[in-house]
């Protein structure tokens, strides 16, 4: 049977967003209690006390006994829903569902995996959780804190389904029998592709012959207007060009004209 916890709550007459904001500013959490045989009742909880309760509960299905100062009768319930601000992480609202000790009720119970899978231990497999909560019908006295799933014999390629679960006294499983709970799968191999660098057009490859039509580095005539002129022959003196004039390049195959007689 699940452990029972006690929580002090207070009735509240005012409802709505403004009233809820005032409660949160006073470090209290708005809540509601509802059930099959009672009308919904608006409540409030002291913030620090509720946080302590959640830390004690952890990842378990438990029953919470609500104590109200204005009522002698205690209400047996379970946590149906908890709303939390995603930015401030503060608790915004809590829903409690009332249950009767002599009546079955539906609840979602966490799944706890026990044992070391054969596939993980000997076949390099990986456990994959398909279902974290199971829906059951049960009496309050028979409520399990969690459904334990033994994976010791689970091999790679095998799956434990709802139909494979061991019977729990007083518990009716409501999920589809074929629903998978936990599987042992092969690890996803990381494929690393080697990228081979392809030389770009015109880029010289070490040891490769020069491309057809490429200009030879040695003996190539300087381009017209090039700042650097070709080196003169040994012992020859270059004629000084006129100021601002550029010497014309000789035509291909032409012989230089003889110098004029003085």
C-alpha atoms as a PDB file:
ATOM      1  CA  UNK A   1       0.000   0.000   0.000  1.00  0.00           C
ATOM      2  CA  UNK A   2       1.181   3.498  -0.793  1.00  0.00           C
ATOM      3  CA  UNK A   3       2.342   5.633   2.088  1.00  0.00           C
ATOM      4  CA  UNK A   4      -0.098   8.291   3.271  1.00  0.00           C
ATOM      5  CA  UNK A   5       0.960  11.888   3.860  1.00  0.00           C
ATOM      6  CA  UNK A   6      -0.796  14.680   5.724  1.00  0.00           C
ATOM      7  CA  UNK A   7      -1.200  18.237   4.523  1.00  0.00           C
ATOM      8  CA  UNK A   8      -2.812  21.235   6.196  1.00  0.00           C
ATOM      9  CA  UNK A   9      -5.078  23.222   3.880  1.00  0.00           C
ATOM     10  CA  UNK A  10      -7.412  26.189   4.301  1.00  0.00           C
ATOM     11  CA  UNK A  11     -10.732  26.874   2.615  1.00  0.00           C
ATOM     12  CA  UNK A  12     -10.951  30.022   0.497  1.00  0.00           C
ATOM     13  CA  UNK A  13     -14.055  31.883  -0.513  1.00  0.00           C
ATOM     14  CA  UNK A  14     -12.535  34.158  -3.131  1.00  0.00           C
ATOM     15  CA  UNK A  15     -11.609  32.729  -6.502  1.00  0.00           C
ATOM     16  CA  UNK A  16     -10.317  34.123  -9.783  1.00  0.00           C
ATOM     17  CA  UNK A  17      -7.012  35.454 -11.026  1.00  0.00           C
ATOM     18  CA  UNK A  18      -6.809  38.430  -8.689  1.00  0.00           C
ATOM     19  CA  UNK A  19      -7.499  36.309  -5.604  1.00  0.00           C
ATOM     20  CA  UNK A  20      -4.962  33.706  -6.762  1.00  0.00           C
ATOM     21  CA  UNK A  21      -2.290  36.387  -7.262  1.00  0.00           C
ATOM     22  CA  UNK A  22      -2.873  37.690  -3.762  1.00  0.00           C
ATOM     23  CA  UNK A  23      -2.476  34.194  -2.362  1.00  0.00           C
ATOM     24  CA  UNK A  24       0.818  33.655  -4.214  1.00  0.00           C
ATOM     25  CA  UNK A  25       2.140  36.976  -2.938  1.00  0.00           C
ATOM     26  CA  UNK A  26       1.342  35.722   0.579  1.00  0.00           C
ATOM     27  CA  UNK A  27       3.430  32.589  -0.182  1.00  0.00           C
ATOM     28  CA  UNK A  28       0.396  30.320  -0.479  1.00  0.00           C
ATOM     29  CA  UNK A  29      -0.621  28.074  -3.365  1.00  0.00           C
ATOM     30  CA  UNK A  30      -4.209  28.014  -4.689  1.00  0.00           C
ATOM     31  CA  UNK A  31      -5.708  24.527  -4.861  1.00  0.00           C
ATOM     32  CA  UNK A  32      -8.947  22.683  -5.518  1.00  0.00           C
ATOM     33  CA  UNK A  33     -10.397  19.434  -4.205  1.00  0.00           C
ATOM     34  CA  UNK A  34     -12.951  17.542  -6.266  1.00  0.00           C
ATOM     35  CA  UNK A  35     -14.376  14.050  -6.405  1.00  0.00           C
ATOM     36  CA  UNK A  36     -17.240  11.897  -7.654  1.00  0.00           C
ATOM     37  CA  UNK A  37     -19.424  12.399  -4.598  1.00  0.00           C
ATOM     38  CA  UNK A  38     -18.546  15.945  -3.488  1.00  0.00           C
ATOM     39  CA  UNK A  39     -18.716  19.410  -4.973  1.00  0.00           C
ATOM     40  CA  UNK A  40     -15.412  21.113  -5.893  1.00  0.00           C
ATOM     41  CA  UNK A  41     -13.897  22.951  -2.949  1.00  0.00           C
ATOM     42  CA  UNK A  42     -11.427  25.846  -3.302  1.00  0.00           C
ATOM     43  CA  UNK A  43      -8.423  25.595  -0.983  1.00  0.00           C
ATOM     44  CA  UNK A  44      -5.060  27.168  -0.340  1.00  0.00           C
ATOM     45  CA  UNK A  45      -1.816  25.620   0.893  1.00  0.00           C
ATOM     46  CA  UNK A  46       1.155  27.130   2.642  1.00  0.00           C
ATOM     47  CA  UNK A  47       3.955  27.216   0.048  1.00  0.00           C
ATOM     48  CA  UNK A  48       6.885  25.873   2.130  1.00  0.00           C
ATOM     49  CA  UNK A  49       4.761  23.036   3.537  1.00  0.00           C
ATOM     50  CA  UNK A  50       3.703  21.982   0.032  1.00  0.00           C
ATOM     51  CA  UNK A  51       7.325  21.989  -1.164  1.00  0.00           C
ATOM     52  CA  UNK A  52       8.314  19.758   1.759  1.00  0.00           C
ATOM     53  CA  UNK A  53       5.506  17.377   0.824  1.00  0.00           C
ATOM     54  CA  UNK A  54       6.689  17.114  -2.767  1.00  0.00           C
ATOM     55  CA  UNK A  55      10.257  16.405  -1.672  1.00  0.00           C
ATOM     56  CA  UNK A  56       9.024  13.624   0.582  1.00  0.00           C
ATOM     57  CA  UNK A  57       6.806  12.114  -2.106  1.00  0.00           C
ATOM     58  CA  UNK A  58       9.393  12.095  -4.879  1.00  0.00           C
ATOM     59  CA  UNK A  59       8.609   9.891  -7.862  1.00  0.00           C
ATOM     60  CA  UNK A  60       5.875   7.840  -6.185  1.00  0.00           C
ATOM     61  CA  UNK A  61       2.112   7.496  -6.227  1.00  0.00           C
ATOM     62  CA  UNK A  62       0.862   8.368  -2.757  1.00  0.00           C
ATOM     63  CA  UNK A  63      -2.310   9.344  -0.927  1.00  0.00           C
ATOM     64  CA  UNK A  64      -2.536  12.712   0.811  1.00  0.00           C
ATOM     65  CA  UNK A  65      -4.790  13.275   3.805  1.00  0.00           C
ATOM     66  CA  UNK A  66      -6.044  16.868   3.748  1.00  0.00           C
ATOM     67  CA  UNK A  67      -6.713  18.477   7.124  1.00  0.00           C
ATOM     68  CA  UNK A  68      -8.927  21.578   7.244  1.00  0.00           C
ATOM     69  CA  UNK A  69      -9.272  23.772  10.330  1.00  0.00           C
ATOM     70  CA  UNK A  70     -12.942  24.511   9.665  1.00  0.00           C
ATOM     71  CA  UNK A  71     -13.909  20.849   9.157  1.00  0.00           C
ATOM     72  CA  UNK A  72     -13.432  17.910  11.472  1.00  0.00           C
ATOM     73  CA  UNK A  73     -13.545  15.381   8.632  1.00  0.00           C
ATOM     74  CA  UNK A  74     -10.319  14.729   6.755  1.00  0.00           C
ATOM     75  CA  UNK A  75     -10.308  14.209   3.013  1.00  0.00           C
ATOM     76  CA  UNK A  76      -8.309  11.363   1.458  1.00  0.00           C
ATOM     77  CA  UNK A  77      -6.956  12.364  -1.936  1.00  0.00           C
ATOM     78  CA  UNK A  78      -4.087  12.129  -4.397  1.00  0.00           C
ATOM     79  CA  UNK A  79      -2.227  14.723  -6.443  1.00  0.00           C
ATOM     80  CA  UNK A  80      -3.979  14.883  -9.797  1.00  0.00           C
ATOM     81  CA  UNK A  81      -2.195  17.865 -11.356  1.00  0.00           C
ATOM     82  CA  UNK A  82       0.404  20.467 -10.393  1.00  0.00           C
ATOM     83  CA  UNK A  83       0.751  23.668 -12.402  1.00  0.00           C
ATOM     84  CA  UNK A  84       4.099  25.413 -12.307  1.00  0.00           C
ATOM     85  CA  UNK A  85       5.376  28.636 -13.864  1.00  0.00           C
ATOM     86  CA  UNK A  86       8.014  27.691 -16.491  1.00  0.00           C
ATOM     87  CA  UNK A  87       9.952  30.929 -15.929  1.00  0.00           C
ATOM     88  CA  UNK A  88       9.817  31.574 -12.176  1.00  0.00           C
ATOM     89  CA  UNK A  89       9.429  27.865 -11.283  1.00  0.00           C
ATOM     90  CA  UNK A  90       6.807  28.797  -8.691  1.00  0.00           C
ATOM     91  CA  UNK A  91       3.749  26.628  -8.053  1.00  0.00           C
ATOM     92  CA  UNK A  92       0.627  28.183  -9.534  1.00  0.00           C
ATOM     93  CA  UNK A  93      -2.150  25.714  -8.747  1.00  0.00           C
ATOM     94  CA  UNK A  94      -2.717  22.196  -7.380  1.00  0.00           C
ATOM     95  CA  UNK A  95      -5.548  19.771  -8.125  1.00  0.00           C
ATOM     96  CA  UNK A  96      -6.450  17.104  -5.557  1.00  0.00           C
ATOM     97  CA  UNK A  97      -8.837  14.284  -6.387  1.00  0.00           C
ATOM     98  CA  UNK A  98     -10.773  12.873  -3.469  1.00  0.00           C
ATOM     99  CA  UNK A  99     -11.093   9.104  -3.098  1.00  0.00           C
ATOM    100  CA  UNK A 100     -13.149   6.821  -0.861  1.00  0.00           C
ATOM    101  CA  UNK A 101     -11.554   4.041   1.109  1.00  0.00           C
ATOM    102  CA  UNK A 102     -14.094   1.472  -0.129  1.00  0.00           C
ATOM    103  CA  UNK A 103     -14.178   2.532  -3.790  1.00  0.00           C
ATOM    104  CA  UNK A 104     -11.762   1.881  -6.658  1.00  0.00           C
ATOM    105  CA  UNK A 105     -10.353   4.868  -8.486  1.00  0.00           C
ATOM    106  CA  UNK A 106      -8.143   5.504 -11.512  1.00  0.00           C
ATOM    107  CA  UNK A 107      -4.648   6.905 -11.177  1.00  0.00           C
ATOM    108  CA  UNK A 108      -1.403   7.068 -13.140  1.00  0.00           C
ATOM    109  CA  UNK A 109       1.490   5.302 -11.431  1.00  0.00           C
ATOM    110  CA  UNK A 110       5.189   5.737 -12.328  1.00  0.00           C
ATOM    111  CA  UNK A 111       7.203   2.883 -13.849  1.00  0.00           C
ATOM    112  CA  UNK A 112      10.417   1.869 -12.080  1.00  0.00           C
ATOM    113  CA  UNK A 113      12.921  -0.357 -13.893  1.00  0.00           C
ATOM    114  CA  UNK A 114      14.760  -2.908 -11.748  1.00  0.00           C
ATOM    115  CA  UNK A 115      17.630  -5.230 -12.591  1.00  0.00           C
ATOM    116  CA  UNK A 116      20.339  -5.083 -15.254  1.00  0.00           C
ATOM    117  CA  UNK A 117      19.285  -6.047 -18.741  1.00  0.00           C
ATOM    118  CA  UNK A 118      21.048  -9.017 -20.376  1.00  0.00           C
ATOM    119  CA  UNK A 119      21.141  -7.054 -23.637  1.00  0.00           C
ATOM    120  CA  UNK A 120      22.831  -4.083 -21.978  1.00  0.00           C
ATOM    121  CA  UNK A 121      25.304  -6.215 -20.057  1.00  0.00           C
ATOM    122  CA  UNK A 122      26.302  -8.718 -22.756  1.00  0.00           C
ATOM    123  CA  UNK A 123      25.130  -7.352 -26.130  1.00  0.00           C
ATOM    124  CA  UNK A 124      26.027  -3.665 -25.871  1.00  0.00           C
ATOM    125  CA  UNK A 125      22.340  -2.786 -26.045  1.00  0.00           C
ATOM    126  CA  UNK A 126      20.602   0.337 -24.761  1.00  0.00           C
ATOM    127  CA  UNK A 127      17.407   0.506 -22.703  1.00  0.00           C
ATOM    128  CA  UNK A 128      14.682   2.662 -24.201  1.00  0.00           C
ATOM    129  CA  UNK A 129      11.758   3.752 -22.022  1.00  0.00           C
ATOM    130  CA  UNK A 130       8.505   3.859 -23.986  1.00  0.00           C
ATOM    131  CA  UNK A 131       6.113   4.445 -21.076  1.00  0.00           C
ATOM    132  CA  UNK A 132       6.837   6.359 -17.880  1.00  0.00           C
ATOM    133  CA  UNK A 133       3.329   6.255 -16.345  1.00  0.00           C
ATOM    134  CA  UNK A 134       0.767   3.440 -16.301  1.00  0.00           C
ATOM    135  CA  UNK A 135      -2.939   3.945 -15.787  1.00  0.00           C
ATOM    136  CA  UNK A 136      -4.462   1.601 -13.205  1.00  0.00           C
ATOM    137  CA  UNK A 137      -7.676   1.104 -11.224  1.00  0.00           C
ATOM    138  CA  UNK A 138      -7.253   0.225  -7.573  1.00  0.00           C
ATOM    139  CA  UNK A 139      -8.606   0.572  -4.041  1.00  0.00           C
ATOM    140  CA  UNK A 140      -6.791   3.110  -1.824  1.00  0.00           C
ATOM    141  CA  UNK A 141      -5.467   0.326   0.386  1.00  0.00           C
ATOM    142  CA  UNK A 142      -3.929  -1.483  -2.607  1.00  0.00           C
ATOM    143  CA  UNK A 143      -2.332   1.523  -4.336  1.00  0.00           C
ATOM    144  CA  UNK A 144       1.292   0.694  -5.267  1.00  0.00           C
ATOM    145  CA  UNK A 145       3.846   3.493  -5.106  1.00  0.00           C
ATOM    146  CA  UNK A 146       5.190   2.394  -8.499  1.00  0.00           C
ATOM    147  CA  UNK A 147       4.992  -0.485 -10.970  1.00  0.00           C
ATOM    148  CA  UNK A 148       8.308  -2.315 -10.978  1.00  0.00           C
ATOM    149  CA  UNK A 149       9.431  -3.789 -14.299  1.00  0.00           C
ATOM    150  CA  UNK A 150      12.211  -6.401 -14.120  1.00  0.00           C
ATOM    151  CA  UNK A 151      14.465  -6.144 -17.196  1.00  0.00           C
ATOM    152  CA  UNK A 152      17.041  -8.752 -16.165  1.00  0.00           C
ATOM    153  CA  UNK A 153      16.161 -11.173 -18.999  1.00  0.00           C
ATOM    154  CA  UNK A 154      15.566  -8.490 -21.628  1.00  0.00           C
ATOM    155  CA  UNK A 155      17.749  -9.017 -24.725  1.00  0.00           C
ATOM    156  CA  UNK A 156      18.488  -6.788 -27.689  1.00  0.00           C
ATOM    157  CA  UNK A 157      15.450  -6.609 -29.952  1.00  0.00           C
ATOM    158  CA  UNK A 158      12.984  -7.525 -27.188  1.00  0.00           C
ATOM    159  CA  UNK A 159      10.273  -5.379 -25.600  1.00  0.00           C
ATOM    160  CA  UNK A 160       8.308  -5.635 -22.380  1.00  0.00           C
ATOM    161  CA  UNK A 161       4.658  -4.736 -22.957  1.00  0.00           C
ATOM    162  CA  UNK A 162       1.707  -4.217 -20.632  1.00  0.00           C
ATOM    163  CA  UNK A 163       0.620  -7.791 -21.297  1.00  0.00           C
ATOM    164  CA  UNK A 164       4.027  -9.004 -20.005  1.00  0.00           C
ATOM    165  CA  UNK A 165       3.671  -7.362 -16.588  1.00  0.00           C
ATOM    166  CA  UNK A 166       3.365  -9.507 -13.538  1.00  0.00           C
ATOM    167  CA  UNK A 167       0.010  -9.346 -11.790  1.00  0.00           C
ATOM    168  CA  UNK A 168      -0.183  -6.990  -8.812  1.00  0.00           C
ATOM    169  CA  UNK A 169      -2.721  -7.784  -6.097  1.00  0.00           C
ATOM    170  CA  UNK A 170      -5.782  -5.560  -6.362  1.00  0.00           C
ATOM    171  CA  UNK A 171      -4.456  -3.649  -9.403  1.00  0.00           C
ATOM    172  CA  UNK A 172      -6.198  -3.530 -12.804  1.00  0.00           C
ATOM    173  CA  UNK A 173      -4.054  -2.297 -15.708  1.00  0.00           C
ATOM    174  CA  UNK A 174      -6.068  -0.046 -18.007  1.00  0.00           C
ATOM    175  CA  UNK A 175      -3.574   0.619 -20.813  1.00  0.00           C
ATOM    176  CA  UNK A 176      -3.658  -1.405 -24.033  1.00  0.00           C
ATOM    177  CA  UNK A 177      -2.045  -4.818 -23.639  1.00  0.00           C
ATOM    178  CA  UNK A 178       0.188  -4.243 -26.642  1.00  0.00           C
ATOM    179  CA  UNK A 179       1.547  -0.932 -25.364  1.00  0.00           C
ATOM    180  CA  UNK A 180       5.361  -1.108 -25.049  1.00  0.00           C
ATOM    181  CA  UNK A 181       6.907  -0.133 -21.726  1.00  0.00           C
ATOM    182  CA  UNK A 182      10.653  -0.685 -22.108  1.00  0.00           C
ATOM    183  CA  UNK A 183      12.777  -2.018 -24.960  1.00  0.00           C
ATOM    184  CA  UNK A 184      16.386  -3.074 -25.428  1.00  0.00           C
ATOM    185  CA  UNK A 185      17.681  -1.731 -28.720  1.00  0.00           C
ATOM    186  CA  UNK A 186      20.964  -1.737 -30.579  1.00  0.00           C
ATOM    187  CA  UNK A 187      23.068   1.395 -30.114  1.00  0.00           C
ATOM    188  CA  UNK A 188      22.906   3.849 -32.971  1.00  0.00           C
ATOM    189  CA  UNK A 189      26.265   3.669 -34.757  1.00  0.00           C
ATOM    190  CA  UNK A 190      27.836   7.032 -35.382  1.00  0.00           C
ATOM    191  CA  UNK A 191      28.746   7.206 -39.067  1.00  0.00           C
ATOM    192  CA  UNK A 192      31.766   9.361 -39.710  1.00  0.00           C
ATOM    193  CA  UNK A 193      32.309  10.259 -43.367  1.00  0.00           C
ATOM    194  CA  UNK A 194      35.799  11.218 -44.465  1.00  0.00           C
ATOM    195  CA  UNK A 195      35.693  14.316 -46.611  1.00  0.00           C
ATOM    196  CA  UNK A 196      38.358  14.212 -49.363  1.00  0.00           C
ATOM    197  CA  UNK A 197      39.470  17.661 -50.410  1.00  0.00           C
ATOM    198  CA  UNK A 198      39.160  18.105 -54.189  1.00  0.00           C
ATOM    199  CA  UNK A 199      41.732  20.530 -55.731  1.00  0.00           C
ATOM    200  CA  UNK A 200      40.121  23.595 -57.218  1.00  0.00           C
ATOM    201  CA  UNK A 201      40.517  24.463 -60.905  1.00  0.00           C
ATOM    202  CA  UNK A 202      43.917  25.993 -61.616  1.00  0.00           C
ATOM    203  CA  UNK A 203      45.376  24.920 -58.295  1.00  0.00           C
ATOM    204  CA  UNK A 204      48.735  23.189 -58.603  1.00  0.00           C
ATOM    205  CA  UNK A 205      48.959  19.679 -57.285  1.00  0.00           C
ATOM    206  CA  UNK A 206      52.364  18.596 -55.957  1.00  0.00           C
ATOM    207  CA  UNK A 207      54.120  16.362 -58.497  1.00  0.00           C
ATOM    208  CA  UNK A 208      51.483  16.915 -61.202  1.00  0.00           C
ATOM    209  CA  UNK A 209      52.354  18.070 -64.746  1.00  0.00           C
ATOM    210  CA  UNK A 210      51.360  21.620 -65.613  1.00  0.00           C
ATOM    211  CA  UNK A 211      48.039  21.979 -67.384  1.00  0.00           C
ATOM    212  CA  UNK A 212      48.013  22.203 -71.179  1.00  0.00           C
ATOM    213  CA  UNK A 213      48.178  25.821 -72.341  1.00  0.00           C
ATOM    214  CA  UNK A 214      49.608  27.064 -69.068  1.00  0.00           C
ATOM    215  CA  UNK A 215      52.211  29.764 -69.484  1.00  0.00           C
ATOM    216  CA  UNK A 216      55.758  28.702 -68.639  1.00  0.00           C
ATOM    217  CA  UNK A 217      57.253  30.588 -65.762  1.00  0.00           C
ATOM    218  CA  UNK A 218      60.769  30.749 -67.330  1.00  0.00           C
ATOM    219  CA  UNK A 219      61.265  32.886 -70.434  1.00  0.00           C
ATOM    220  CA  UNK A 220      57.756  34.349 -70.393  1.00  0.00           C
ATOM    221  CA  UNK A 221      57.630  37.908 -71.691  1.00  0.00           C
ATOM    222  CA  UNK A 222      56.470  40.451 -69.155  1.00  0.00           C
ATOM    223  CA  UNK A 223      53.012  41.753 -69.726  1.00  0.00           C
ATOM    224  CA  UNK A 224      52.563  45.182 -71.250  1.00  0.00           C
ATOM    225  CA  UNK A 225      52.780  47.818 -68.543  1.00  0.00           C
ATOM    226  CA  UNK A 226      54.381  45.462 -66.059  1.00  0.00           C
ATOM    227  CA  UNK A 227      56.351  47.393 -63.485  1.00  0.00           C
ATOM    228  CA  UNK A 228      59.312  45.013 -63.708  1.00  0.00           C
ATOM    229  CA  UNK A 229      61.205  44.748 -67.019  1.00  0.00           C
ATOM    230  CA  UNK A 230      63.084  41.661 -68.152  1.00  0.00           C
ATOM    231  CA  UNK A 231      66.744  41.537 -67.161  1.00  0.00           C
ATOM    232  CA  UNK A 232      69.091  42.845 -69.987  1.00  0.00           C
ATOM    233  CA  UNK A 233      71.728  40.614 -71.529  1.00  0.00           C
ATOM    234  CA  UNK A 234      75.146  40.477 -69.890  1.00  0.00           C
ATOM    235  CA  UNK A 235      77.255  43.535 -70.712  1.00  0.00           C
ATOM    236  CA  UNK A 236      74.480  45.362 -72.582  1.00  0.00           C
ATOM    237  CA  UNK A 237      73.309  48.775 -71.597  1.00  0.00           C
ATOM    238  CA  UNK A 238      69.661  49.557 -71.747  1.00  0.00           C
ATOM    239  CA  UNK A 239      68.726  52.735 -73.606  1.00  0.00           C
ATOM    240  CA  UNK A 240      67.096  55.303 -71.442  1.00  0.00           C
ATOM    241  CA  UNK A 241      63.490  55.728 -72.512  1.00  0.00           C
ATOM    242  CA  UNK A 242      61.982  59.147 -73.045  1.00  0.00           C
ATOM    243  CA  UNK A 243      60.347  60.718 -70.055  1.00  0.00           C
ATOM    244  CA  UNK A 244      56.936  59.124 -69.530  1.00  0.00           C
ATOM    245  CA  UNK A 245      57.262  56.892 -72.616  1.00  0.00           C
ATOM    246  CA  UNK A 246      57.026  53.138 -72.484  1.00  0.00           C
ATOM    247  CA  UNK A 247      59.104  51.075 -74.923  1.00  0.00           C
ATOM    248  CA  UNK A 248      56.975  49.170 -77.396  1.00  0.00           C
ATOM    249  CA  UNK A 249      57.248  45.409 -77.268  1.00  0.00           C
ATOM    250  CA  UNK A 250      58.776  43.922 -80.534  1.00  0.00           C
ATOM    251  CA  UNK A 251      56.506  41.831 -82.704  1.00  0.00           C
ATOM    252  CA  UNK A 252      56.900  38.077 -82.512  1.00  0.00           C
ATOM    253  CA  UNK A 253      59.803  36.933 -84.733  1.00  0.00           C
ATOM    254  CA  UNK A 254      60.850  40.509 -85.771  1.00  0.00           C
ATOM    255  CA  UNK A 255      64.466  41.578 -85.594  1.00  0.00           C
ATOM    256  CA  UNK A 256      65.304  44.761 -83.777  1.00  0.00           C
ATOM    257  CA  UNK A 257      66.054  47.677 -86.151  1.00  0.00           C
ATOM    258  CA  UNK A 258      69.664  48.767 -86.564  1.00  0.00           C
ATOM    259  CA  UNK A 259      70.584  51.889 -84.741  1.00  0.00           C
ATOM    260  CA  UNK A 260      70.663  55.041 -86.824  1.00  0.00           C
ATOM    261  CA  UNK A 261      74.034  56.310 -87.994  1.00  0.00           C
ATOM    262  CA  UNK A 262      75.313  59.316 -86.238  1.00  0.00           C
END
